[in-house]
PDB file of all heavy atoms in Angstrom:
ATOM      1  N   ALA A   1      10.088 -16.479   4.111  1.00  0.00           N
ATOM      2  CA  ALA A   1       9.295 -15.889   3.043  1.00  0.00           C
ATOM      3  C   ALA A   1      10.160 -15.073   2.131  1.00  0.00           C
ATOM      4  O   ALA A   1      10.780 -14.094   2.567  1.00  0.00           O
ATOM      5  CB  ALA A   1       8.184 -15.007   3.615  1.00  0.00           C
ATOM      6  N   LEU A   2      10.309 -15.495   0.888  1.00  0.00           N
ATOM      7  CA  LEU A   2      11.116 -14.824  -0.087  1.00  0.00           C
ATOM      8  C   LEU A   2      10.260 -14.487  -1.301  1.00  0.00           C
ATOM      9  O   LEU A   2       9.308 -15.175  -1.619  1.00  0.00           O
ATOM     10  CB  LEU A   2      12.293 -15.690  -0.557  1.00  0.00           C
ATOM     11  CG  LEU A   2      13.328 -16.083   0.485  1.00  0.00           C
ATOM     12  CD1 LEU A   2      14.382 -16.961  -0.147  1.00  0.00           C
ATOM     13  CD2 LEU A   2      13.984 -14.868   1.090  1.00  0.00           C
ATOM     14  N   GLN A   3      10.638 -13.422  -1.956  1.00  0.00           N
ATOM     15  CA  GLN A   3       9.959 -13.030  -3.205  1.00  0.00           C
ATOM     16  C   GLN A   3      10.342 -14.028  -4.305  1.00  0.00           C
ATOM     17  O   GLN A   3      11.520 -14.370  -4.439  1.00  0.00           O
ATOM     18  CB  GLN A   3      10.399 -11.629  -3.575  1.00  0.00           C
ATOM     19  CG  GLN A   3       9.488 -10.927  -4.535  1.00  0.00           C
ATOM     20  CD  GLN A   3       9.767  -9.425  -4.471  1.00  0.00           C
ATOM     21  OE1 GLN A   3       9.390  -8.737  -3.528  1.00  0.00           O
ATOM     22  NE2 GLN A   3      10.404  -8.903  -5.498  1.00  0.00           N
ATOM     23  N   PRO A   4       9.401 -14.498  -5.114  1.00  0.00           N
ATOM     24  CA  PRO A   4       9.749 -15.474  -6.149  1.00  0.00           C
ATOM     25  C   PRO A   4      10.496 -14.858  -7.326  1.00  0.00           C
ATOM     26  O   PRO A   4      10.530 -13.630  -7.482  1.00  0.00           O
ATOM     27  CB  PRO A   4       8.375 -15.980  -6.598  1.00  0.00           C
ATOM     28  CG  PRO A   4       7.431 -14.896  -6.282  1.00  0.00           C
ATOM     29  CD  PRO A   4       7.944 -14.212  -5.051  1.00  0.00           C
ATOM     30  N   ASN A   5      11.134 -15.699  -8.114  1.00  0.00           N
ATOM     31  CA  ASN A   5      11.746 -15.225  -9.358  1.00  0.00           C
ATOM     32  C   ASN A   5      10.679 -14.703 -10.301  1.00  0.00           C
ATOM     33  O   ASN A   5       9.508 -15.038 -10.209  1.00  0.00           O
ATOM     34  CB  ASN A   5      12.538 -16.339 -10.022  1.00  0.00           C
ATOM     35  CG  ASN A   5      13.890 -16.553  -9.357  1.00  0.00           C
ATOM     36  OD1 ASN A   5      13.963 -16.999  -8.220  1.00  0.00           O
ATOM     37  ND2 ASN A   5      14.943 -16.234 -10.043  1.00  0.00           N
ATOM     38  N   PHE A   6      11.123 -13.861 -11.263  1.00  0.00           N
ATOM     39  CA  PHE A   6      10.231 -13.206 -12.232  1.00  0.00           C
ATOM     40  C   PHE A   6       9.281 -12.208 -11.550  1.00  0.00           C
ATOM     41  O   PHE A   6       8.241 -11.855 -12.095  1.00  0.00           O
ATOM     42  CB  PHE A   6       9.390 -14.211 -13.021  1.00  0.00           C
ATOM     43  CG  PHE A   6      10.206 -15.238 -13.758  1.00  0.00           C
ATOM     44  CD1 PHE A   6      10.109 -16.591 -13.500  1.00  0.00           C
ATOM     45  CD2 PHE A   6      11.123 -14.838 -14.749  1.00  0.00           C
ATOM     46  CE1 PHE A   6      10.879 -17.541 -14.164  1.00  0.00           C
ATOM     47  CE2 PHE A   6      11.901 -15.777 -15.428  1.00  0.00           C
ATOM     48  CZ  PHE A   6      11.780 -17.112 -15.140  1.00  0.00           C
ATOM     49  N   VAL A   7       9.652 -11.746 -10.348  1.00  0.00           N
ATOM     50  CA  VAL A   7       8.875 -10.758  -9.616  1.00  0.00           C
ATOM     51  C   VAL A   7       9.832  -9.665  -9.146  1.00  0.00           C
ATOM     52  O   VAL A   7      10.709  -9.920  -8.328  1.00  0.00           O
ATOM     53  CB  VAL A   7       8.120 -11.366  -8.412  1.00  0.00           C
ATOM     54  CG1 VAL A   7       7.502 -10.249  -7.548  1.00  0.00           C
ATOM     55  CG2 VAL A   7       7.037 -12.334  -8.878  1.00  0.00           C
ATOM     56  N   GLN A   8       9.612  -8.450  -9.669  1.00  0.00           N
ATOM     57  CA  GLN A   8      10.441  -7.332  -9.261  1.00  0.00           C
ATOM     58  C   GLN A   8       9.908  -6.639  -8.003  1.00  0.00           C
ATOM     59  O   GLN A   8      10.660  -6.308  -7.113  1.00  0.00           O
ATOM     60  CB  GLN A   8      10.510  -6.306 -10.400  1.00  0.00           C
ATOM     61  CG  GLN A   8      11.374  -5.078 -10.094  1.00  0.00           C
ATOM     62  CD  GLN A   8      12.871  -5.299 -10.180  1.00  0.00           C
ATOM     63  OE1 GLN A   8      13.305  -6.428 -10.364  1.00  0.00           O
ATOM     64  NE2 GLN A   8      13.641  -4.272 -10.085  1.00  0.00           N
ATOM     65  N   TYR A   9       8.593  -6.432  -7.981  1.00  0.00           N
ATOM     66  CA  TYR A   9       7.941  -5.799  -6.811  1.00  0.00           C
ATOM     67  C   TYR A   9       6.739  -6.667  -6.369  1.00  0.00           C
ATOM     68  O   TYR A   9       5.989  -7.141  -7.193  1.00  0.00           O
ATOM     69  CB  TYR A   9       7.395  -4.403  -7.150  1.00  0.00           C
ATOM     70  CG  TYR A   9       8.230  -3.575  -8.106  1.00  0.00           C
ATOM     71  CD1 TYR A   9       7.749  -3.254  -9.364  1.00  0.00           C
ATOM     72  CD2 TYR A   9       9.492  -3.092  -7.759  1.00  0.00           C
ATOM     73  CE1 TYR A   9       8.467  -2.482 -10.255  1.00  0.00           C
ATOM     74  CE2 TYR A   9      10.228  -2.329  -8.629  1.00  0.00           C
ATOM     75  CZ  TYR A   9       9.700  -2.010  -9.901  1.00  0.00           C
ATOM     76  OH  TYR A   9      10.456  -1.245 -10.754  1.00  0.00           O
ATOM     77  N   TRP A  10       6.632  -6.775  -5.045  1.00  0.00           N
ATOM     78  CA  TRP A  10       5.405  -7.430  -4.499  1.00  0.00           C
ATOM     79  C   TRP A  10       4.867  -6.512  -3.436  1.00  0.00           C
ATOM     80  O   TRP A  10       4.457  -5.414  -3.713  1.00  0.00           O
ATOM     81  CB  TRP A  10       5.778  -8.849  -3.990  1.00  0.00           C
ATOM     82  CG  TRP A  10       4.966  -9.932  -4.634  1.00  0.00           C
ATOM     83  CD1 TRP A  10       4.135  -9.810  -5.710  1.00  0.00           C
ATOM     84  CD2 TRP A  10       4.944 -11.307  -4.243  1.00  0.00           C
ATOM     85  NE1 TRP A  10       3.612 -11.021  -6.007  1.00  0.00           N
ATOM     86  CE2 TRP A  10       4.062 -11.951  -5.140  1.00  0.00           C
ATOM     87  CE3 TRP A  10       5.558 -12.023  -3.250  1.00  0.00           C
ATOM     88  CZ2 TRP A  10       3.816 -13.296  -5.054  1.00  0.00           C
ATOM     89  CZ3 TRP A  10       5.306 -13.399  -3.151  1.00  0.00           C
ATOM     90  CH2 TRP A  10       4.416 -14.005  -4.047  1.00  0.00           C
ATOM     91  N   GLY A  11       4.875  -7.010  -2.201  1.00  0.00           N
ATOM     92  CA  GLY A  11       4.493  -6.109  -1.116  1.00  0.00           C
ATOM     93  C   GLY A  11       3.001  -5.877  -0.977  1.00  0.00           C
ATOM     94  O   GLY A  11       2.163  -6.695  -1.302  1.00  0.00           O
ATOM     95  N   ILE A  12       2.657  -4.681  -0.469  1.00  0.00           N
ATOM     96  CA  ILE A  12       1.277  -4.319  -0.134  1.00  0.00           C
ATOM     97  C   ILE A  12       0.662  -3.497  -1.252  1.00  0.00           C
ATOM     98  O   ILE A  12       1.318  -2.566  -1.783  1.00  0.00           O
ATOM     99  CB  ILE A  12       1.236  -3.560   1.183  1.00  0.00           C
ATOM    100  CG1 ILE A  12       1.705  -4.459   2.349  1.00  0.00           C
ATOM    101  CG2 ILE A  12      -0.175  -3.056   1.512  1.00  0.00           C
ATOM    102  CD1 ILE A  12       1.851  -3.773   3.679  1.00  0.00           C
ATOM    103  N   PHE A  13      -0.597  -3.768  -1.553  1.00  0.00           N
ATOM    104  CA  PHE A  13      -1.331  -3.048  -2.595  1.00  0.00           C
ATOM    105  C   PHE A  13      -2.593  -2.441  -1.970  1.00  0.00           C
ATOM    106  O   PHE A  13      -3.446  -3.193  -1.456  1.00  0.00           O
ATOM    107  CB  PHE A  13      -1.715  -3.965  -3.742  1.00  0.00           C
ATOM    108  CG  PHE A  13      -0.521  -4.628  -4.379  1.00  0.00           C
ATOM    109  CD1 PHE A  13       0.030  -5.802  -3.877  1.00  0.00           C
ATOM    110  CD2 PHE A  13       0.109  -4.045  -5.466  1.00  0.00           C
ATOM    111  CE1 PHE A  13       1.172  -6.412  -4.417  1.00  0.00           C
ATOM    112  CE2 PHE A  13       1.231  -4.635  -6.062  1.00  0.00           C
ATOM    113  CZ  PHE A  13       1.752  -5.817  -5.536  1.00  0.00           C
ATOM    114  N   PHE A  14      -2.671  -1.119  -1.960  1.00  0.00           N
ATOM    115  CA  PHE A  14      -3.849  -0.444  -1.423  1.00  0.00           C
ATOM    116  C   PHE A  14      -4.879  -0.205  -2.503  1.00  0.00           C
ATOM    117  O   PHE A  14      -4.514   0.046  -3.673  1.00  0.00           O
ATOM    118  CB  PHE A  14      -3.463   0.934  -0.836  1.00  0.00           C
ATOM    119  CG  PHE A  14      -2.421   0.879   0.247  1.00  0.00           C
ATOM    120  CD1 PHE A  14      -1.168   1.430   0.058  1.00  0.00           C
ATOM    121  CD2 PHE A  14      -2.713   0.288   1.473  1.00  0.00           C
ATOM    122  CE1 PHE A  14      -0.212   1.423   1.049  1.00  0.00           C
ATOM    123  CE2 PHE A  14      -1.776   0.269   2.492  1.00  0.00           C
ATOM    124  CZ  PHE A  14      -0.498   0.847   2.258  1.00  0.00           C
ATOM    125  N   ASP A  15      -6.119  -0.214  -2.117  1.00  0.00           N
ATOM    126  CA  ASP A  15      -7.162   0.202  -3.072  1.00  0.00           C
ATOM    127  C   ASP A  15      -7.036   1.691  -3.412  1.00  0.00           C
ATOM    128  O   ASP A  15      -6.426   2.460  -2.626  1.00  0.00           O
ATOM    129  CB  ASP A  15      -8.552  -0.061  -2.456  1.00  0.00           C
ATOM    130  CG  ASP A  15      -9.668  -0.145  -3.534  1.00  0.00           C
ATOM    131  OD1 ASP A  15      -9.351   0.065  -4.711  1.00  0.00           O
ATOM    132  OD2 ASP A  15     -10.792  -0.448  -3.141  1.00  0.00           O
ATOM    133  N   LYS A  16      -7.558   2.104  -4.522  1.00  0.00           N
ATOM    134  CA  LYS A  16      -7.519   3.505  -4.896  1.00  0.00           C
ATOM    135  C   LYS A  16      -8.688   4.227  -4.192  1.00  0.00           C
ATOM    136  O   LYS A  16      -9.858   3.976  -4.529  1.00  0.00           O
ATOM    137  CB  LYS A  16      -7.658   3.654  -6.423  1.00  0.00           C
ATOM    138  CG  LYS A  16      -7.505   5.104  -6.884  1.00  0.00           C
ATOM    139  CD  LYS A  16      -7.535   5.137  -8.419  1.00  0.00           C
ATOM    140  CE  LYS A  16      -7.345   6.583  -8.916  1.00  0.00           C
ATOM    141  NZ  LYS A  16      -7.378   6.648 -10.389  1.00  0.00           N
ATOM    142  N   ILE A  17      -8.351   5.037  -3.230  1.00  0.00           N
ATOM    143  CA  ILE A  17      -9.357   5.741  -2.421  1.00  0.00           C
ATOM    144  C   ILE A  17      -9.013   7.219  -2.364  1.00  0.00           C
ATOM    145  O   ILE A  17      -7.838   7.614  -2.214  1.00  0.00           O
ATOM    146  CB  ILE A  17      -9.406   5.158  -0.964  1.00  0.00           C
ATOM    147  CG1 ILE A  17      -9.737   3.664  -1.010  1.00  0.00           C
ATOM    148  CG2 ILE A  17     -10.391   5.934  -0.110  1.00  0.00           C
ATOM    149  CD1 ILE A  17      -9.653   3.011   0.342  1.00  0.00           C
ATOM    150  N   ASN A  18     -10.011   8.062  -2.520  1.00  0.00           N
ATOM    151  CA  ASN A  18      -9.801   9.502  -2.406  1.00  0.00           C
ATOM    152  C   ASN A  18     -10.008   9.958  -0.962  1.00  0.00           C
ATOM    153  O   ASN A  18     -11.110   9.797  -0.408  1.00  0.00           O
ATOM    154  CB  ASN A  18     -10.739  10.250  -3.340  1.00  0.00           C
ATOM    155  CG  ASN A  18     -10.434   9.999  -4.794  1.00  0.00           C
ATOM    156  OD1 ASN A  18      -9.255   9.948  -5.194  1.00  0.00           O
ATOM    157  ND2 ASN A  18     -11.455   9.838  -5.628  1.00  0.00           N
ATOM    158  N   PHE A  19      -9.006  10.500  -0.342  1.00  0.00           N
ATOM    159  CA  PHE A  19      -9.082  10.988   1.012  1.00  0.00           C
ATOM    160  C   PHE A  19      -9.157  12.520   1.030  1.00  0.00           C
ATOM    161  O   PHE A  19      -8.656  13.186   0.127  1.00  0.00           O
ATOM    162  CB  PHE A  19      -7.887  10.535   1.819  1.00  0.00           C
ATOM    163  CG  PHE A  19      -7.819   9.037   2.034  1.00  0.00           C
ATOM    164  CD1 PHE A  19      -7.150   8.210   1.138  1.00  0.00           C
ATOM    165  CD2 PHE A  19      -8.450   8.430   3.133  1.00  0.00           C
ATOM    166  CE1 PHE A  19      -7.091   6.847   1.305  1.00  0.00           C
ATOM    167  CE2 PHE A  19      -8.371   7.064   3.344  1.00  0.00           C
ATOM    168  CZ  PHE A  19      -7.720   6.265   2.410  1.00  0.00           C
ATOM    169  N   GLN A  20      -9.758  13.040   2.107  1.00  0.00           N
ATOM    170  CA  GLN A  20      -9.910  14.495   2.197  1.00  0.00           C
ATOM    171  C   GLN A  20      -8.615  15.195   2.578  1.00  0.00           C
ATOM    172  O   GLN A  20      -8.474  16.390   2.366  1.00  0.00           O
ATOM    173  CB  GLN A  20     -11.020  14.850   3.185  1.00  0.00           C
ATOM    174  CG  GLN A  20     -12.393  14.380   2.755  1.00  0.00           C
ATOM    175  CD  GLN A  20     -13.470  14.739   3.787  1.00  0.00           C
ATOM    176  OE1 GLN A  20     -13.170  15.097   4.912  1.00  0.00           O
ATOM    177  NE2 GLN A  20     -14.728  14.639   3.366  1.00  0.00           N
ATOM    178  N   SER A  21      -7.690  14.459   3.184  1.00  0.00           N
ATOM    179  CA  SER A  21      -6.425  15.056   3.577  1.00  0.00           C
ATOM    180  C   SER A  21      -5.363  13.992   3.599  1.00  0.00           C
ATOM    181  O   SER A  21      -5.606  12.798   3.668  1.00  0.00           O
ATOM    182  CB  SER A  21      -6.549  15.688   4.947  1.00  0.00           C
ATOM    183  OG  SER A  21      -6.735  14.708   5.961  1.00  0.00           O
ATOM    184  N   SER A  22      -4.117  14.463   3.575  1.00  0.00           N
ATOM    185  CA  SER A  22      -2.955  13.577   3.676  1.00  0.00           C
ATOM    186  C   SER A  22      -2.944  12.861   4.995  1.00  0.00           C
ATOM    187  O   SER A  22      -2.568  11.673   5.094  1.00  0.00           O
ATOM    188  CB  SER A  22      -1.677  14.421   3.534  1.00  0.00           C
ATOM    189  OG  SER A  22      -0.783  13.857   2.756  1.00  0.00           O
ATOM    190  N   TYR A  23      -3.323  13.555   6.053  1.00  0.00           N
ATOM    191  CA  TYR A  23      -3.337  12.943   7.394  1.00  0.00           C
ATOM    192  C   TYR A  23      -4.271  11.762   7.426  1.00  0.00           C
ATOM    193  O   TYR A  23      -3.929  10.703   7.965  1.00  0.00           O
ATOM    194  CB  TYR A  23      -3.788  14.008   8.435  1.00  0.00           C
ATOM    195  CG  TYR A  23      -3.953  13.413   9.814  1.00  0.00           C
ATOM    196  CD1 TYR A  23      -2.864  13.085  10.587  1.00  0.00           C
ATOM    197  CD2 TYR A  23      -5.240  13.087  10.288  1.00  0.00           C
ATOM    198  CE1 TYR A  23      -3.043  12.517  11.860  1.00  0.00           C
ATOM    199  CE2 TYR A  23      -5.430  12.521  11.537  1.00  0.00           C
ATOM    200  CZ  TYR A  23      -4.324  12.241  12.284  1.00  0.00           C
ATOM    201  OH  TYR A  23      -4.453  11.672  13.529  1.00  0.00           O
ATOM    202  N   ARG A  24      -5.494  11.896   6.853  1.00  0.00           N
ATOM    203  CA  ARG A  24      -6.455  10.813   6.868  1.00  0.00           C
ATOM    204  C   ARG A  24      -5.939   9.624   6.027  1.00  0.00           C
ATOM    205  O   ARG A  24      -6.099   8.439   6.392  1.00  0.00           O
ATOM    206  CB  ARG A  24      -7.781  11.268   6.351  1.00  0.00           C
ATOM    207  CG  ARG A  24      -8.523  12.179   7.299  1.00  0.00           C
ATOM    208  CD  ARG A  24      -9.940  12.443   6.879  1.00  0.00           C
ATOM    209  NE  ARG A  24     -10.670  13.277   7.827  1.00  0.00           N
ATOM    210  CZ  ARG A  24     -11.957  13.581   7.743  1.00  0.00           C
ATOM    211  NH1 ARG A  24     -12.649  13.109   6.729  1.00  0.00           N
ATOM    212  NH2 ARG A  24     -12.539  14.349   8.649  1.00  0.00           N
ATOM    213  N   GLU A  25      -5.311   9.911   4.901  1.00  0.00           N
ATOM    214  CA  GLU A  25      -4.807   8.882   4.069  1.00  0.00           C
ATOM    215  C   GLU A  25      -3.724   8.067   4.783  1.00  0.00           C
ATOM    216  O   GLU A  25      -3.740   6.826   4.782  1.00  0.00           O
ATOM    217  CB  GLU A  25      -4.204   9.480   2.781  1.00  0.00           C
ATOM    218  CG  GLU A  25      -3.562   8.432   1.885  1.00  0.00           C
ATOM    219  CD  GLU A  25      -2.819   9.062   0.694  1.00  0.00           C
ATOM    220  OE1 GLU A  25      -2.918  10.288   0.503  1.00  0.00           O
ATOM    221  OE2 GLU A  25      -2.119   8.314  -0.010  1.00  0.00           O
ATOM    222  N   LEU A  26      -2.763   8.762   5.382  1.00  0.00           N
ATOM    223  CA  LEU A  26      -1.660   8.090   6.039  1.00  0.00           C
ATOM    224  C   LEU A  26      -2.104   7.362   7.316  1.00  0.00           C
ATOM    225  O   LEU A  26      -1.583   6.297   7.634  1.00  0.00           O
ATOM    226  CB  LEU A  26      -0.545   9.076   6.352  1.00  0.00           C
ATOM    227  CG  LEU A  26       0.139   9.687   5.139  1.00  0.00           C
ATOM    228  CD1 LEU A  26       1.209  10.710   5.554  1.00  0.00           C
ATOM    229  CD2 LEU A  26       0.741   8.638   4.243  1.00  0.00           C
ATOM    230  N   SER A  27      -3.086   7.944   8.009  1.00  0.00           N
ATOM    231  CA  SER A  27      -3.625   7.260   9.200  1.00  0.00           C
ATOM    232  C   SER A  27      -4.302   5.949   8.799  1.00  0.00           C
ATOM    233  O   SER A  27      -4.216   4.956   9.509  1.00  0.00           O
ATOM    234  CB  SER A  27      -4.608   8.188   9.923  1.00  0.00           C
ATOM    235  OG  SER A  27      -3.958   9.338  10.413  1.00  0.00           O
ATOM    236  N   TRP A  28      -5.036   5.972   7.692  1.00  0.00           N
ATOM    237  CA  TRP A  28      -5.683   4.786   7.173  1.00  0.00           C
ATOM    238  C   TRP A  28      -4.652   3.724   6.784  1.00  0.00           C
ATOM    239  O   TRP A  28      -4.760   2.562   7.098  1.00  0.00           O
ATOM    240  CB  TRP A  28      -6.588   5.128   5.994  1.00  0.00           C
ATOM    241  CG  TRP A  28      -7.280   4.000   5.380  1.00  0.00           C
ATOM    242  CD1 TRP A  28      -8.477   3.448   5.791  1.00  0.00           C
ATOM    243  CD2 TRP A  28      -6.891   3.240   4.234  1.00  0.00           C
ATOM    244  NE1 TRP A  28      -8.850   2.389   4.969  1.00  0.00           N
ATOM    245  CE2 TRP A  28      -7.892   2.234   4.002  1.00  0.00           C
ATOM    246  CE3 TRP A  28      -5.823   3.275   3.368  1.00  0.00           C
ATOM    247  CZ2 TRP A  28      -7.821   1.324   2.968  1.00  0.00           C
ATOM    248  CZ3 TRP A  28      -5.742   2.369   2.320  1.00  0.00           C
ATOM    249  CH2 TRP A  28      -6.730   1.414   2.134  1.00  0.00           C
ATOM    250  N   LYS A  29      -3.597   4.180   6.066  1.00  0.00           N
ATOM    251  CA  LYS A  29      -2.559   3.241   5.659  1.00  0.00           C
ATOM    252  C   LYS A  29      -1.833   2.677   6.872  1.00  0.00           C
ATOM    253  O   LYS A  29      -1.429   1.507   6.866  1.00  0.00           O
ATOM    254  CB  LYS A  29      -1.538   3.956   4.727  1.00  0.00           C
ATOM    255  CG  LYS A  29      -2.096   4.221   3.339  1.00  0.00           C
ATOM    256  CD  LYS A  29      -1.068   4.942   2.447  1.00  0.00           C
ATOM    257  CE  LYS A  29      -1.633   5.134   1.031  1.00  0.00           C
ATOM    258  NZ  LYS A  29      -0.664   5.851   0.147  1.00  0.00           N
ATOM    259  N   ARG A  30      -1.674   3.460   7.903  1.00  0.00           N
ATOM    260  CA  ARG A  30      -1.032   2.994   9.128  1.00  0.00           C
ATOM    261  C   ARG A  30      -1.811   1.778   9.697  1.00  0.00           C
ATOM    262  O   ARG A  30      -1.229   0.759  10.062  1.00  0.00           O
ATOM    263  CB  ARG A  30      -0.974   4.107  10.127  1.00  0.00           C
ATOM    264  CG  ARG A  30      -0.317   3.755  11.457  1.00  0.00           C
ATOM    265  CD  ARG A  30      -0.290   4.993  12.362  1.00  0.00           C
ATOM    266  NE  ARG A  30       0.483   4.761  13.574  1.00  0.00           N
ATOM    267  CZ  ARG A  30      -0.028   4.283  14.721  1.00  0.00           C
ATOM    268  NH1 ARG A  30      -1.342   3.957  14.790  1.00  0.00           N
ATOM    269  NH2 ARG A  30       0.755   4.120  15.799  1.00  0.00           N
ATOM    270  N   LYS A  31      -3.120   1.900   9.759  1.00  0.00           N
ATOM    271  CA  LYS A  31      -3.976   0.813  10.246  1.00  0.00           C
ATOM    272  C   LYS A  31      -3.821  -0.439   9.369  1.00  0.00           C
ATOM    273  O   LYS A  31      -3.711  -1.563   9.864  1.00  0.00           O
ATOM    274  CB  LYS A  31      -5.428   1.243  10.305  1.00  0.00           C
ATOM    275  CG  LYS A  31      -5.757   2.325  11.317  1.00  0.00           C
ATOM    276  CD  LYS A  31      -7.215   2.722  11.252  1.00  0.00           C
ATOM    277  CE  LYS A  31      -7.540   3.828  12.225  1.00  0.00           C
ATOM    278  NZ  LYS A  31      -8.960   4.272  12.140  1.00  0.00           N
TER     279      LYS A  31
END
C-alpha cells in the first residue's frame, strides 16, 4: 500500500466532534 502521486497527505480523517476534555477526545481517537 503506497500513497498515490498527486497526493501530499492521506491517512486518517476524523469527524469534527466537540469533546468535554482532552482525555475523552484522545481516548476516542485511540479506539
